[in-house]
Amino acid sequence: MGAAGERFAVWWLAGQGLSVRGRNLEIEGGELDILACDGSTRVAVEVRTITGAGDPIDAVDCSKRAHVRRLAGSVGVTRVDFIGIGFRPWGVEVHWLPG
């Protein structure tokens, strides 16, 4: 399910004007789901995908947010976004928190 959510997030972010440069980037200490550019700003995007009830962003706790920010900083990213993808019976719900 996570891979489908990431593919949808890439498509959706492109529609918002971001240019996706890479996915699933392995770096020392972890992985960044998406690396993108918003104009000249380098952006790391953490994706959470759910199929049940609730807000997928709630699945990203403070510890995970701090970890992603540390990883992003280690590769020169200046903004970290979080995007939740909810596959619902009625369609797809997107909750985007730009950094």
PDB file of N, CA and C in Angstrom:
ATOM      1  N   MET A   1       0.823  -1.196   0.000  1.00  0.00           N
ATOM      2  CA  MET A   1       0.000   0.000   0.000  1.00  0.00           C
ATOM      3  C   MET A   1       0.865   1.257   0.000  1.00  0.00           C
ATOM      4  N   GLY A   2       1.999   1.198   0.688  1.00  0.00           N
ATOM      5  CA  GLY A   2       2.879   2.358   0.762  1.00  0.00           C
ATOM      6  C   GLY A   2       3.395   2.808  -0.594  1.00  0.00           C
ATOM      7  N   ALA A   3       3.744   1.848  -1.453  1.00  0.00           N
ATOM      8  CA  ALA A   3       4.252   2.189  -2.787  1.00  0.00           C
ATOM      9  C   ALA A   3       3.170   2.880  -3.617  1.00  0.00           C
ATOM     10  N   ALA A   4       1.936   2.417  -3.502  1.00  0.00           N
ATOM     11  CA  ALA A   4       0.831   3.053  -4.235  1.00  0.00           C
ATOM     12  C   ALA A   4       0.622   4.480  -3.733  1.00  0.00           C
ATOM     13  N   GLY A   5       0.727   4.672  -2.433  1.00  0.00           N
ATOM     14  CA  GLY A   5       0.595   6.010  -1.864  1.00  0.00           C
ATOM     15  C   GLY A   5       1.703   6.930  -2.331  1.00  0.00           C
ATOM     16  N   GLU A   6       2.915   6.414  -2.408  1.00  0.00           N
ATOM     17  CA  GLU A   6       4.039   7.234  -2.885  1.00  0.00           C
ATOM     18  C   GLU A   6       3.863   7.602  -4.354  1.00  0.00           C
ATOM     19  N   ARG A   7       3.419   6.654  -5.173  1.00  0.00           N
ATOM     20  CA  ARG A   7       3.172   6.968  -6.590  1.00  0.00           C
ATOM     21  C   ARG A   7       2.102   8.045  -6.725  1.00  0.00           C
ATOM     22  N   PHE A   8       1.035   7.923  -5.939  1.00  0.00           N
ATOM     23  CA  PHE A   8      -0.020   8.929  -5.987  1.00  0.00           C
ATOM     24  C   PHE A   8       0.524  10.282  -5.516  1.00  0.00           C
ATOM     25  N   ALA A   9       1.317  10.277  -4.451  1.00  0.00           N
ATOM     26  CA  ALA A   9       1.889  11.522  -3.931  1.00  0.00           C
ATOM     27  C   ALA A   9       2.773  12.204  -4.974  1.00  0.00           C
ATOM     28  N   VAL A  10       3.579  11.433  -5.705  1.00  0.00           N
ATOM     29  CA  VAL A  10       4.432  12.000  -6.756  1.00  0.00           C
ATOM     30  C   VAL A  10       3.565  12.683  -7.810  1.00  0.00           C
ATOM     31  N   TRP A  11       2.514  11.990  -8.248  1.00  0.00           N
ATOM     32  CA  TRP A  11       1.607  12.559  -9.242  1.00  0.00           C
ATOM     33  C   TRP A  11       0.948  13.828  -8.715  1.00  0.00           C
ATOM     34  N   TRP A  12       0.463  13.780  -7.477  1.00  0.00           N
ATOM     35  CA  TRP A  12      -0.253  14.907  -6.881  1.00  0.00           C
ATOM     36  C   TRP A  12       0.674  16.106  -6.674  1.00  0.00           C
ATOM     37  N   LEU A  13       1.878  15.865  -6.165  1.00  0.00           N
ATOM     38  CA  LEU A  13       2.834  16.957  -5.941  1.00  0.00           C
ATOM     39  C   LEU A  13       3.233  17.616  -7.258  1.00  0.00           C
ATOM     40  N   ALA A  14       3.380  16.824  -8.309  1.00  0.00           N
ATOM     41  CA  ALA A  14       3.689  17.403  -9.625  1.00  0.00           C
ATOM     42  C   ALA A  14       2.568  18.345 -10.054  1.00  0.00           C
ATOM     43  N   GLY A  15       1.343  17.983  -9.754  1.00  0.00           N
ATOM     44  CA  GLY A  15       0.206  18.845 -10.063  1.00  0.00           C
ATOM     45  C   GLY A  15       0.193  20.131  -9.263  1.00  0.00           C
ATOM     46  N   GLN A  16       0.909  20.131  -8.140  1.00  0.00           N
ATOM     47  CA  GLN A  16       1.022  21.331  -7.305  1.00  0.00           C
ATOM     48  C   GLN A  16       2.235  22.182  -7.694  1.00  0.00           C
ATOM     49  N   GLY A  17       2.961  21.745  -8.728  1.00  0.00           N
ATOM     50  CA  GLY A  17       4.089  22.527  -9.229  1.00  0.00           C
ATOM     51  C   GLY A  17       5.454  22.078  -8.750  1.00  0.00           C
ATOM     52  N   LEU A  18       5.525  21.025  -7.942  1.00  0.00           N
ATOM     53  CA  LEU A  18       6.826  20.524  -7.508  1.00  0.00           C
ATOM     54  C   LEU A  18       7.417  19.625  -8.587  1.00  0.00           C
ATOM     55  N   SER A  19       8.720  19.639  -8.691  1.00  0.00           N
ATOM     56  CA  SER A  19       9.428  18.795  -9.644  1.00  0.00           C
ATOM     57  C   SER A  19      10.096  17.667  -8.862  1.00  0.00           C
ATOM     58  N   VAL A  20       9.608  16.461  -9.039  1.00  0.00           N
ATOM     59  CA  VAL A  20      10.131  15.316  -8.290  1.00  0.00           C
ATOM     60  C   VAL A  20      11.454  14.891  -8.899  1.00  0.00           C
ATOM     61  N   ARG A  21      12.497  14.792  -8.057  1.00  0.00           N
ATOM     62  CA  ARG A  21      13.845  14.448  -8.493  1.00  0.00           C
ATOM     63  C   ARG A  21      14.253  13.029  -8.132  1.00  0.00           C
ATOM     64  N   GLY A  22      13.584  12.441  -7.148  1.00  0.00           N
ATOM     65  CA  GLY A  22      13.952  11.087  -6.754  1.00  0.00           C
ATOM     66  C   GLY A  22      12.980  10.518  -5.749  1.00  0.00           C
ATOM     67  N   ARG A  23      12.993   9.187  -5.659  1.00  0.00           N
ATOM     68  CA  ARG A  23      12.145   8.477  -4.705  1.00  0.00           C
ATOM     69  C   ARG A  23      12.972   7.447  -3.962  1.00  0.00           C
ATOM     70  N   ASN A  24      12.596   7.226  -2.714  1.00  0.00           N
ATOM     71  CA  ASN A  24      13.204   6.196  -1.871  1.00  0.00           C
ATOM     72  C   ASN A  24      14.722   6.313  -1.854  1.00  0.00           C
ATOM     73  N   LEU A  25      15.196   7.488  -1.484  1.00  0.00           N
ATOM     74  CA  LEU A  25      16.636   7.753  -1.458  1.00  0.00           C
ATOM     75  C   LEU A  25      17.259   7.230  -0.176  1.00  0.00           C
ATOM     76  N   GLU A  26      18.089   6.219  -0.328  1.00  0.00           N
ATOM     77  CA  GLU A  26      18.796   5.643   0.816  1.00  0.00           C
ATOM     78  C   GLU A  26      19.972   6.555   1.162  1.00  0.00           C
ATOM     79  N   ILE A  27      19.990   7.019   2.391  1.00  0.00           N
ATOM     80  CA  ILE A  27      21.114   7.816   2.870  1.00  0.00           C
ATOM     81  C   ILE A  27      21.505   7.272   4.232  1.00  0.00           C
ATOM     82  N   GLU A  28      22.671   7.661   4.679  1.00  0.00           N
ATOM     83  CA  GLU A  28      23.130   7.164   5.974  1.00  0.00           C
ATOM     84  C   GLU A  28      22.119   7.528   7.056  1.00  0.00           C
ATOM     85  N   GLY A  29      21.617   6.524   7.725  1.00  0.00           N
ATOM     86  CA  GLY A  29      20.664   6.739   8.812  1.00  0.00           C
ATOM     87  C   GLY A  29      19.211   6.534   8.428  1.00  0.00           C
ATOM     88  N   GLY A  30      18.929   6.304   7.140  1.00  0.00           N
ATOM     89  CA  GLY A  30      17.537   6.087   6.769  1.00  0.00           C
ATOM     90  C   GLY A  30      17.243   6.317   5.311  1.00  0.00           C
ATOM     91  N   GLU A  31      16.004   6.687   5.047  1.00  0.00           N
ATOM     92  CA  GLU A  31      15.532   6.857   3.679  1.00  0.00           C
ATOM     93  C   GLU A  31      14.598   8.057   3.602  1.00  0.00           C
ATOM     94  N   LEU A  32      14.713   8.798   2.503  1.00  0.00           N
ATOM     95  CA  LEU A  32      13.766   9.870   2.216  1.00  0.00           C
ATOM     96  C   LEU A  32      12.810   9.361   1.142  1.00  0.00           C
ATOM     97  N   ASP A  33      11.508   9.489   1.401  1.00  0.00           N
ATOM     98  CA  ASP A  33      10.514   8.959   0.464  1.00  0.00           C
ATOM     99  C   ASP A  33      10.582   9.669  -0.888  1.00  0.00           C
ATOM    100  N   ILE A  34      10.566  10.995  -0.864  1.00  0.00           N
ATOM    101  CA  ILE A  34      10.576  11.779  -2.102  1.00  0.00           C
ATOM    102  C   ILE A  34      11.509  12.963  -1.937  1.00  0.00           C
ATOM    103  N   LEU A  35      12.302  13.221  -2.959  1.00  0.00           N
ATOM    104  CA  LEU A  35      13.113  14.429  -3.040  1.00  0.00           C
ATOM    105  C   LEU A  35      12.567  15.230  -4.216  1.00  0.00           C
ATOM    106  N   ALA A  36      12.232  16.494  -3.970  1.00  0.00           N
ATOM    107  CA  ALA A  36      11.620  17.321  -5.003  1.00  0.00           C
ATOM    108  C   ALA A  36      12.193  18.732  -4.943  1.00  0.00           C
ATOM    109  N   CYS A  37      11.848  19.523  -5.939  1.00  0.00           N
ATOM    110  CA  CYS A  37      12.187  20.944  -5.955  1.00  0.00           C
ATOM    111  C   CYS A  37      10.898  21.731  -6.114  1.00  0.00           C
ATOM    112  N   ASP A  38      10.811  22.794  -5.349  1.00  0.00           N
ATOM    113  CA  ASP A  38       9.707  23.744  -5.457  1.00  0.00           C
ATOM    114  C   ASP A  38      10.361  25.061  -5.842  1.00  0.00           C
ATOM    115  N   GLY A  39      10.460  25.308  -7.140  1.00  0.00           N
ATOM    116  CA  GLY A  39      11.285  26.412  -7.617  1.00  0.00           C
ATOM    117  C   GLY A  39      12.735  26.057  -7.349  1.00  0.00           C
ATOM    118  N   SER A  40      13.428  26.907  -6.614  1.00  0.00           N
ATOM    119  CA  SER A  40      14.828  26.635  -6.282  1.00  0.00           C
ATOM    120  C   SER A  40      14.995  25.985  -4.907  1.00  0.00           C
ATOM    121  N   THR A  41      13.893  25.695  -4.248  1.00  0.00           N
ATOM    122  CA  THR A  41      13.934  25.105  -2.905  1.00  0.00           C
ATOM    123  C   THR A  41      13.930  23.586  -2.993  1.00  0.00           C
ATOM    124  N   ARG A  42      14.934  22.961  -2.356  1.00  0.00           N
ATOM    125  CA  ARG A  42      14.983  21.496  -2.284  1.00  0.00           C
ATOM    126  C   ARG A  42      14.059  21.037  -1.162  1.00  0.00           C
ATOM    127  N   VAL A  43      13.213  20.063  -1.481  1.00  0.00           N
ATOM    128  CA  VAL A  43      12.181  19.614  -0.548  1.00  0.00           C
ATOM    129  C   VAL A  43      12.258  18.100  -0.369  1.00  0.00           C
ATOM    130  N   ALA A  44      12.244  17.659   0.871  1.00  0.00           N
ATOM    131  CA  ALA A  44      12.074  16.237   1.183  1.00  0.00           C
ATOM    132  C   ALA A  44      10.619  16.050   1.586  1.00  0.00           C
ATOM    133  N   VAL A  45      10.002  14.970   1.111  1.00  0.00           N
ATOM    134  CA  VAL A  45       8.600  14.711   1.414  1.00  0.00           C
ATOM    135  C   VAL A  45       8.476  13.327   2.035  1.00  0.00           C
ATOM    136  N   GLU A  46       7.916  13.285   3.220  1.00  0.00           N
ATOM    137  CA  GLU A  46       7.608  12.024   3.895  1.00  0.00           C
ATOM    138  C   GLU A  46       6.152  11.678   3.593  1.00  0.00           C
ATOM    139  N   VAL A  47       5.913  10.458   3.139  1.00  0.00           N
ATOM    140  CA  VAL A  47       4.573  10.027   2.736  1.00  0.00           C
ATOM    141  C   VAL A  47       4.047   8.995   3.727  1.00  0.00           C
ATOM    142  N   ARG A  48       2.802   9.169   4.123  1.00  0.00           N
ATOM    143  CA  ARG A  48       2.101   8.173   4.940  1.00  0.00           C
ATOM    144  C   ARG A  48       0.816   7.809   4.214  1.00  0.00           C
ATOM    145  N   THR A  49       0.549   6.520   4.117  1.00  0.00           N
ATOM    146  CA  THR A  49      -0.626   6.036   3.405  1.00  0.00           C
ATOM    147  C   THR A  49      -1.457   5.151   4.329  1.00  0.00           C
ATOM    148  N   ILE A  50      -2.774   5.364   4.307  1.00  0.00           N
ATOM    149  CA  ILE A  50      -3.673   4.514   5.091  1.00  0.00           C
ATOM    150  C   ILE A  50      -4.893   4.148   4.240  1.00  0.00           C
ATOM    151  N   THR A  51      -5.583   3.108   4.668  1.00  0.00           N
ATOM    152  CA  THR A  51      -6.832   2.726   4.014  1.00  0.00           C
ATOM    153  C   THR A  51      -8.004   2.802   4.990  1.00  0.00           C
ATOM    154  N   GLY A  52      -7.715   2.864   6.264  1.00  0.00           N
ATOM    155  CA  GLY A  52      -8.776   2.921   7.263  1.00  0.00           C
ATOM    156  C   GLY A  52      -9.172   4.347   7.583  1.00  0.00           C
ATOM    157  N   ALA A  53      -9.902   4.473   8.668  1.00  0.00           N
ATOM    158  CA  ALA A  53     -10.371   5.782   9.105  1.00  0.00           C
ATOM    159  C   ALA A  53      -9.226   6.595   9.704  1.00  0.00           C
ATOM    160  N   GLY A  54      -9.418   7.879   9.752  1.00  0.00           N
ATOM    161  CA  GLY A  54      -8.458   8.761  10.387  1.00  0.00           C
ATOM    162  C   GLY A  54      -7.624   9.538   9.389  1.00  0.00           C
ATOM    163  N   ASP A  55      -6.796  10.395   9.934  1.00  0.00           N
ATOM    164  CA  ASP A  55      -5.921  11.246   9.128  1.00  0.00           C
ATOM    165  C   ASP A  55      -4.554  10.587   9.027  1.00  0.00           C
ATOM    166  N   PRO A  56      -4.063  10.309   7.819  1.00  0.00           N
ATOM    167  CA  PRO A  56      -2.771   9.632   7.682  1.00  0.00           C
ATOM    168  C   PRO A  56      -1.610  10.439   8.271  1.00  0.00           C
ATOM    169  N   ILE A  57      -1.746  11.737   8.355  1.00  0.00           N
ATOM    170  CA  ILE A  57      -0.687  12.564   8.946  1.00  0.00           C
ATOM    171  C   ILE A  57      -0.497  12.209  10.425  1.00  0.00           C
ATOM    172  N   ASP A  58      -1.561  11.755  11.069  1.00  0.00           N
ATOM    173  CA  ASP A  58      -1.459  11.373  12.483  1.00  0.00           C
ATOM    174  C   ASP A  58      -0.485  10.217  12.689  1.00  0.00           C
ATOM    175  N   ALA A  59      -0.180   9.469  11.632  1.00  0.00           N
ATOM    176  CA  ALA A  59       0.756   8.352  11.729  1.00  0.00           C
ATOM    177  C   ALA A  59       2.205   8.815  11.780  1.00  0.00           C
ATOM    178  N   VAL A  60       2.436  10.113  11.603  1.00  0.00           N
ATOM    179  CA  VAL A  60       3.799  10.657  11.652  1.00  0.00           C
ATOM    180  C   VAL A  60       3.959  11.369  12.990  1.00  0.00           C
ATOM    181  N   ASP A  61       4.525  10.665  13.967  1.00  0.00           N
ATOM    182  CA  ASP A  61       4.674  11.252  15.292  1.00  0.00           C
ATOM    183  C   ASP A  61       5.869  12.212  15.336  1.00  0.00           C
ATOM    184  N   CYS A  62       6.033  12.879  16.455  1.00  0.00           N
ATOM    185  CA  CYS A  62       7.102  13.878  16.610  1.00  0.00           C
ATOM    186  C   CYS A  62       8.483  13.282  16.388  1.00  0.00           C
ATOM    187  N   SER A  63       8.696  12.081  16.853  1.00  0.00           N
ATOM    188  CA  SER A  63       9.985  11.413  16.693  1.00  0.00           C
ATOM    189  C   SER A  63      10.298  11.178  15.218  1.00  0.00           C
ATOM    190  N   LYS A  64       9.303  10.703  14.456  1.00  0.00           N
ATOM    191  CA  LYS A  64       9.490  10.454  13.030  1.00  0.00           C
ATOM    192  C   LYS A  64       9.738  11.770  12.290  1.00  0.00           C
ATOM    193  N   ARG A  65       9.016  12.814  12.652  1.00  0.00           N
ATOM    194  CA  ARG A  65       9.216  14.125  12.011  1.00  0.00           C
ATOM    195  C   ARG A  65      10.637  14.628  12.242  1.00  0.00           C
ATOM    196  N   ALA A  66      11.119  14.494  13.459  1.00  0.00           N
ATOM    197  CA  ALA A  66      12.479  14.934  13.772  1.00  0.00           C
ATOM    198  C   ALA A  66      13.505  14.108  13.004  1.00  0.00           C
ATOM    199  N   HIS A  67      13.280  12.810  12.902  1.00  0.00           N
ATOM    200  CA  HIS A  67      14.191  11.928  12.164  1.00  0.00           C
ATOM    201  C   HIS A  67      14.263  12.328  10.687  1.00  0.00           C
ATOM    202  N   VAL A  68      13.117  12.555  10.075  1.00  0.00           N
ATOM    203  CA  VAL A  68      13.086  12.951   8.661  1.00  0.00           C
ATOM    204  C   VAL A  68      13.782  14.296   8.478  1.00  0.00           C
ATOM    205  N   ARG A  69      13.574  15.219   9.386  1.00  0.00           N
ATOM    206  CA  ARG A  69      14.241  16.534   9.283  1.00  0.00           C
ATOM    207  C   ARG A  69      15.766  16.391   9.395  1.00  0.00           C
ATOM    208  N   ARG A  70      16.239  15.511  10.277  1.00  0.00           N
ATOM    209  CA  ARG A  70      17.690  15.276  10.391  1.00  0.00           C
ATOM    210  C   ARG A  70      18.243  14.688   9.101  1.00  0.00           C
ATOM    211  N   LEU A  71      17.559  13.684   8.560  1.00  0.00           N
ATOM    212  CA  LEU A  71      18.006  13.080   7.300  1.00  0.00           C
ATOM    213  C   LEU A  71      18.045  14.120   6.188  1.00  0.00           C
ATOM    214  N   ALA A  72      16.990  14.900   6.083  1.00  0.00           N
ATOM    215  CA  ALA A  72      16.900  15.906   5.030  1.00  0.00           C
ATOM    216  C   ALA A  72      18.022  16.940   5.157  1.00  0.00           C
ATOM    217  N   GLY A  73      18.289  17.361   6.366  1.00  0.00           N
ATOM    218  CA  GLY A  73      19.358  18.331   6.590  1.00  0.00           C
ATOM    219  C   GLY A  73      20.718  17.797   6.205  1.00  0.00           C
ATOM    220  N   SER A  74      20.902  16.494   6.337  1.00  0.00           N
ATOM    221  CA  SER A  74      22.204  15.908   6.030  1.00  0.00           C
ATOM    222  C   SER A  74      22.493  15.892   4.530  1.00  0.00           C
ATOM    223  N   VAL A  75      21.469  16.088   3.696  1.00  0.00           N
ATOM    224  CA  VAL A  75      21.678  16.120   2.242  1.00  0.00           C
ATOM    225  C   VAL A  75      21.344  17.492   1.652  1.00  0.00           C
ATOM    226  N   GLY A  76      21.303  18.502   2.495  1.00  0.00           N
ATOM    227  CA  GLY A  76      21.134  19.867   2.014  1.00  0.00           C
ATOM    228  C   GLY A  76      19.723  20.286   1.660  1.00  0.00           C
ATOM    229  N   VAL A  77      18.746  19.548   2.140  1.00  0.00           N
ATOM    230  CA  VAL A  77      17.351  19.926   1.905  1.00  0.00           C
ATOM    231  C   VAL A  77      16.982  21.055   2.859  1.00  0.00           C
ATOM    232  N   THR A  78      16.276  22.056   2.358  1.00  0.00           N
ATOM    233  CA  THR A  78      15.926  23.208   3.188  1.00  0.00           C
ATOM    234  C   THR A  78      14.469  23.210   3.649  1.00  0.00           C
ATOM    235  N   ARG A  79      13.649  22.309   3.091  1.00  0.00           N
ATOM    236  CA  ARG A  79      12.241  22.240   3.504  1.00  0.00           C
ATOM    237  C   ARG A  79      11.815  20.782   3.579  1.00  0.00           C
ATOM    238  N   VAL A  80      11.043  20.457   4.601  1.00  0.00           N
ATOM    239  CA  VAL A  80      10.512  19.105   4.757  1.00  0.00           C
ATOM    240  C   VAL A  80       8.989  19.197   4.792  1.00  0.00           C
ATOM    241  N   ASP A  81       8.359  18.461   3.872  1.00  0.00           N
ATOM    242  CA  ASP A  81       6.904  18.395   3.811  1.00  0.00           C
ATOM    243  C   ASP A  81       6.451  17.012   4.246  1.00  0.00           C
ATOM    244  N   PHE A  82       5.223  16.950   4.716  1.00  0.00           N
ATOM    245  CA  PHE A  82       4.606  15.674   5.061  1.00  0.00           C
ATOM    246  C   PHE A  82       3.301  15.591   4.284  1.00  0.00           C
ATOM    247  N   ILE A  83       3.055  14.430   3.690  1.00  0.00           N
ATOM    248  CA  ILE A  83       1.826  14.253   2.924  1.00  0.00           C
ATOM    249  C   ILE A  83       1.191  12.930   3.317  1.00  0.00           C
ATOM    250  N   GLY A  84      -0.093  12.997   3.622  1.00  0.00           N
ATOM    251  CA  GLY A  84      -0.855  11.811   3.962  1.00  0.00           C
ATOM    252  C   GLY A  84      -1.793  11.471   2.824  1.00  0.00           C
ATOM    253  N   ILE A  85      -1.788  10.214   2.434  1.00  0.00           N
ATOM    254  CA  ILE A  85      -2.657   9.726   1.378  1.00  0.00           C
ATOM    255  C   ILE A  85      -3.621   8.718   2.000  1.00  0.00           C
ATOM    256  N   GLY A  86      -4.891   9.006   1.904  1.00  0.00           N
ATOM    257  CA  GLY A  86      -5.911   8.094   2.415  1.00  0.00           C
ATOM    258  C   GLY A  86      -6.711   7.512   1.270  1.00  0.00           C
ATOM    259  N   PHE A  87      -6.585   6.209   1.063  1.00  0.00           N
ATOM    260  CA  PHE A  87      -7.402   5.539   0.051  1.00  0.00           C
ATOM    261  C   PHE A  87      -8.732   5.199   0.706  1.00  0.00           C
ATOM    262  N   ARG A  88      -9.766   5.896   0.280  1.00  0.00           N
ATOM    263  CA  ARG A  88     -11.093   5.773   0.881  1.00  0.00           C
ATOM    264  C   ARG A  88     -12.054   5.092  -0.091  1.00  0.00           C
ATOM    265  N   PRO A  89     -13.177   4.590   0.397  1.00  0.00           N
ATOM    266  CA  PRO A  89     -14.161   3.979  -0.506  1.00  0.00           C
ATOM    267  C   PRO A  89     -14.662   4.957  -1.566  1.00  0.00           C
ATOM    268  N   TRP A  90     -14.684   6.238  -1.251  1.00  0.00           N
ATOM    269  CA  TRP A  90     -15.199   7.261  -2.164  1.00  0.00           C
ATOM    270  C   TRP A  90     -14.119   7.924  -3.012  1.00  0.00           C
ATOM    271  N   GLY A  91     -12.855   7.580  -2.787  1.00  0.00           N
ATOM    272  CA  GLY A  91     -11.772   8.191  -3.573  1.00  0.00           C
ATOM    273  C   GLY A  91     -10.495   8.320  -2.755  1.00  0.00           C
ATOM    274  N   VAL A  92      -9.663   9.259  -3.127  1.00  0.00           N
ATOM    275  CA  VAL A  92      -8.378   9.459  -2.453  1.00  0.00           C
ATOM    276  C   VAL A  92      -8.404  10.797  -1.733  1.00  0.00           C
ATOM    277  N   GLU A  93      -8.004  10.773  -0.473  1.00  0.00           N
ATOM    278  CA  GLU A  93      -7.908  11.975   0.344  1.00  0.00           C
ATOM    279  C   GLU A  93      -6.429  12.337   0.499  1.00  0.00           C
ATOM    280  N   VAL A  94      -6.123  13.614   0.321  1.00  0.00           N
ATOM    281  CA  VAL A  94      -4.735  14.079   0.441  1.00  0.00           C
ATOM    282  C   VAL A  94      -4.676  15.129   1.539  1.00  0.00           C
ATOM    283  N   HIS A  95      -3.743  14.967   2.443  1.00  0.00           N
ATOM    284  CA  HIS A  95      -3.484  15.962   3.491  1.00  0.00           C
ATOM    285  C   HIS A  95      -2.007  16.328   3.393  1.00  0.00           C
ATOM    286  N   TRP A  96      -1.725  17.534   2.928  1.00  0.00           N
ATOM    287  CA  TRP A  96      -0.352  17.989   2.677  1.00  0.00           C
ATOM    288  C   TRP A  96       0.027  19.056   3.680  1.00  0.00           C
ATOM    289  N   LEU A  97       1.144  18.863   4.352  1.00  0.00           N
ATOM    290  CA  LEU A  97       1.676  19.853   5.282  1.00  0.00           C
ATOM    291  C   LEU A  97       3.013  20.353   4.740  1.00  0.00           C
ATOM    292  N   PRO A  98       3.003  21.429   3.959  1.00  0.00           N
ATOM    293  CA  PRO A  98       4.270  21.977   3.472  1.00  0.00           C
ATOM    294  C   PRO A  98       5.090  22.505   4.648  1.00  0.00           C
ATOM    295  N   GLY A  99       6.399  22.274   4.585  1.00  0.00           N
ATOM    296  CA  GLY A  99       7.302  22.706   5.653  1.00  0.00           C
ATOM    297  C   GLY A  99       7.424  24.176   5.698  1.00  0.00           C
TER     298      GLY A  99
END
